[in-house]
C-alpha atoms as a PDB file:
ATOM      1  CA  MET A   1      -6.307 -24.452   7.085  1.00  0.00           C
ATOM      2  CA  THR A   2      -6.579 -20.600   8.072  1.00  0.00           C
ATOM      3  CA  LEU A   3      -5.904 -18.302   4.902  1.00  0.00           C
ATOM      4  CA  ILE A   4      -2.352 -17.402   6.628  1.00  0.00           C
ATOM      5  CA  GLU A   5      -1.295 -20.738   6.720  1.00  0.00           C
ATOM      6  CA  LYS A   6      -2.362 -21.592   3.324  1.00  0.00           C
ATOM      7  CA  LEU A   7      -0.670 -18.227   2.252  1.00  0.00           C
ATOM      8  CA  LYS A   8       2.532 -19.532   3.672  1.00  0.00           C
ATOM      9  CA  ASN A   9       2.171 -22.599   2.361  1.00  0.00           C
ATOM     10  CA  ILE A  10       1.978 -21.563  -1.170  1.00  0.00           C
ATOM     11  CA  LYS A  11       5.603 -21.437  -2.495  1.00  0.00           C
ATOM     12  CA  SER A  12       5.359 -19.683  -5.691  1.00  0.00           C
ATOM     13  CA  ASN A  13       5.206 -15.604  -5.752  1.00  0.00           C
ATOM     14  CA  ASN A  14       4.472 -15.513  -9.702  1.00  0.00           C
ATOM     15  CA  GLN A  15       1.433 -13.660 -10.740  1.00  0.00           C
ATOM     16  CA  TYR A  16      -0.919 -17.108 -10.845  1.00  0.00           C
ATOM     17  CA  TRP A  17      -0.277 -17.859  -7.005  1.00  0.00           C
ATOM     18  CA  PHE A  18      -3.705 -16.679  -6.067  1.00  0.00           C
ATOM     19  CA  TYR A  19      -5.622 -18.936  -8.132  1.00  0.00           C
ATOM     20  CA  GLU A  20      -4.899 -21.532  -5.504  1.00  0.00           C
ATOM     21  CA  LEU A  21      -7.520 -19.482  -3.175  1.00  0.00           C
ATOM     22  CA  THR A  22     -11.105 -19.822  -3.370  1.00  0.00           C
ATOM     23  CA  LYS A  23     -13.461 -17.078  -3.364  1.00  0.00           C
ATOM     24  CA  GLU A  24     -14.107 -17.028   0.326  1.00  0.00           C
ATOM     25  CA  GLU A  25     -10.068 -16.863   1.079  1.00  0.00           C
ATOM     26  CA  LEU A  26      -9.671 -13.778  -1.489  1.00  0.00           C
ATOM     27  CA  LYS A  27     -12.602 -11.901   0.118  1.00  0.00           C
ATOM     28  CA  GLU A  28     -10.817 -12.379   3.285  1.00  0.00           C
ATOM     29  CA  LEU A  29      -7.195 -11.368   1.876  1.00  0.00           C
ATOM     30  CA  TYR A  30      -9.148  -8.292   0.847  1.00  0.00           C
ATOM     31  CA  LEU A  31     -10.970  -7.719   3.850  1.00  0.00           C
ATOM     32  CA  LEU A  32      -7.791  -8.269   6.116  1.00  0.00           C
ATOM     33  CA  THR A  33      -6.155  -5.783   3.575  1.00  0.00           C
ATOM     34  CA  SER A  34      -8.609  -3.333   3.186  1.00  0.00           C
ATOM     35  CA  TYR A  35      -6.409  -0.213   4.413  1.00  0.00           C
ATOM     36  CA  LEU A  36      -4.220  -0.582   1.231  1.00  0.00           C
ATOM     37  CA  PRO A  37      -5.625   1.473  -1.912  1.00  0.00           C
ATOM     38  CA  GLU A  38      -8.013  -1.003  -4.269  1.00  0.00           C
ATOM     39  CA  ASP A  39      -5.398  -1.342  -6.890  1.00  0.00           C
ATOM     40  CA  SER A  40      -2.825  -2.791  -4.910  1.00  0.00           C
ATOM     41  CA  THR A  41      -1.477  -5.911  -6.314  1.00  0.00           C
ATOM     42  CA  MET A  42      -2.395  -9.494  -4.787  1.00  0.00           C
ATOM     43  CA  THR A  43       1.081 -10.285  -3.982  1.00  0.00           C
ATOM     44  CA  LEU A  44       1.504  -6.717  -1.954  1.00  0.00           C
ATOM     45  CA  ARG A  45      -1.501  -7.778  -0.127  1.00  0.00           C
ATOM     46  CA  LYS A  46       0.007 -11.068   0.737  1.00  0.00           C
ATOM     47  CA  ILE A  47       3.276  -9.431   1.857  1.00  0.00           C
ATOM     48  CA  TYR A  48       1.215  -7.111   4.003  1.00  0.00           C
ATOM     49  CA  LEU A  49      -0.711  -9.878   5.324  1.00  0.00           C
ATOM     50  CA  LEU A  50       2.241 -12.301   6.200  1.00  0.00           C
ATOM     51  CA  ASN A  51       4.696  -9.781   7.642  1.00  0.00           C
ATOM     52  CA  GLY A  52       1.598  -8.625  10.224  1.00  0.00           C
ATOM     53  CA  PHE A  53       1.312  -4.915   8.906  1.00  0.00           C
ATOM     54  CA  THR A  54      -1.943  -3.741  10.217  1.00  0.00           C
ATOM     55  CA  GLY A  55      -1.920  -0.252   8.471  1.00  0.00           C
ATOM     56  CA  ILE A  56       0.300   1.477   5.518  1.00  0.00           C
ATOM     57  CA  GLN A  57       3.673   2.409   6.662  1.00  0.00           C
ATOM     58  CA  LEU A  58       4.312   6.300   6.294  1.00  0.00           C
ATOM     59  CA  CYS A  59       7.706   7.660   5.624  1.00  0.00           C
ATOM     60  CA  PRO A  60       9.070   9.471   8.647  1.00  0.00           C
ATOM     61  CA  VAL A  61      10.447  12.280   6.619  1.00  0.00           C
ATOM     62  CA  CYS A  62       7.828  13.400   4.115  1.00  0.00           C
ATOM     63  CA  GLY A  63       4.562  11.486   5.696  1.00  0.00           C
ATOM     64  CA  LYS A  64       3.787  10.065   2.484  1.00  0.00           C
ATOM     65  CA  PRO A  65       2.575   6.227   2.343  1.00  0.00           C
ATOM     66  CA  ILE A  66       5.402   3.486   1.381  1.00  0.00           C
ATOM     67  CA  LEU A  67       3.552   0.780  -0.570  1.00  0.00           C
ATOM     68  CA  LYS A  68       7.068  -1.069  -1.755  1.00  0.00           C
ATOM     69  CA  ILE A  69       8.443  -3.499   0.459  1.00  0.00           C
END
């Protein structure tokens, strides 16, 4: 099972969902979302990965990064 499939199968979205992942899967999650700031939450990383974002979205008006979805 790939990381994305496993993330889709995790039903809970509370602060403890990432305990279901192995160390290797956590490293892969960090690598796939390395464009996010280091202090980004695991839930934000999961959302970015599952929605297929490949970079930080920029505000079309001010040009600042949009980190909340």
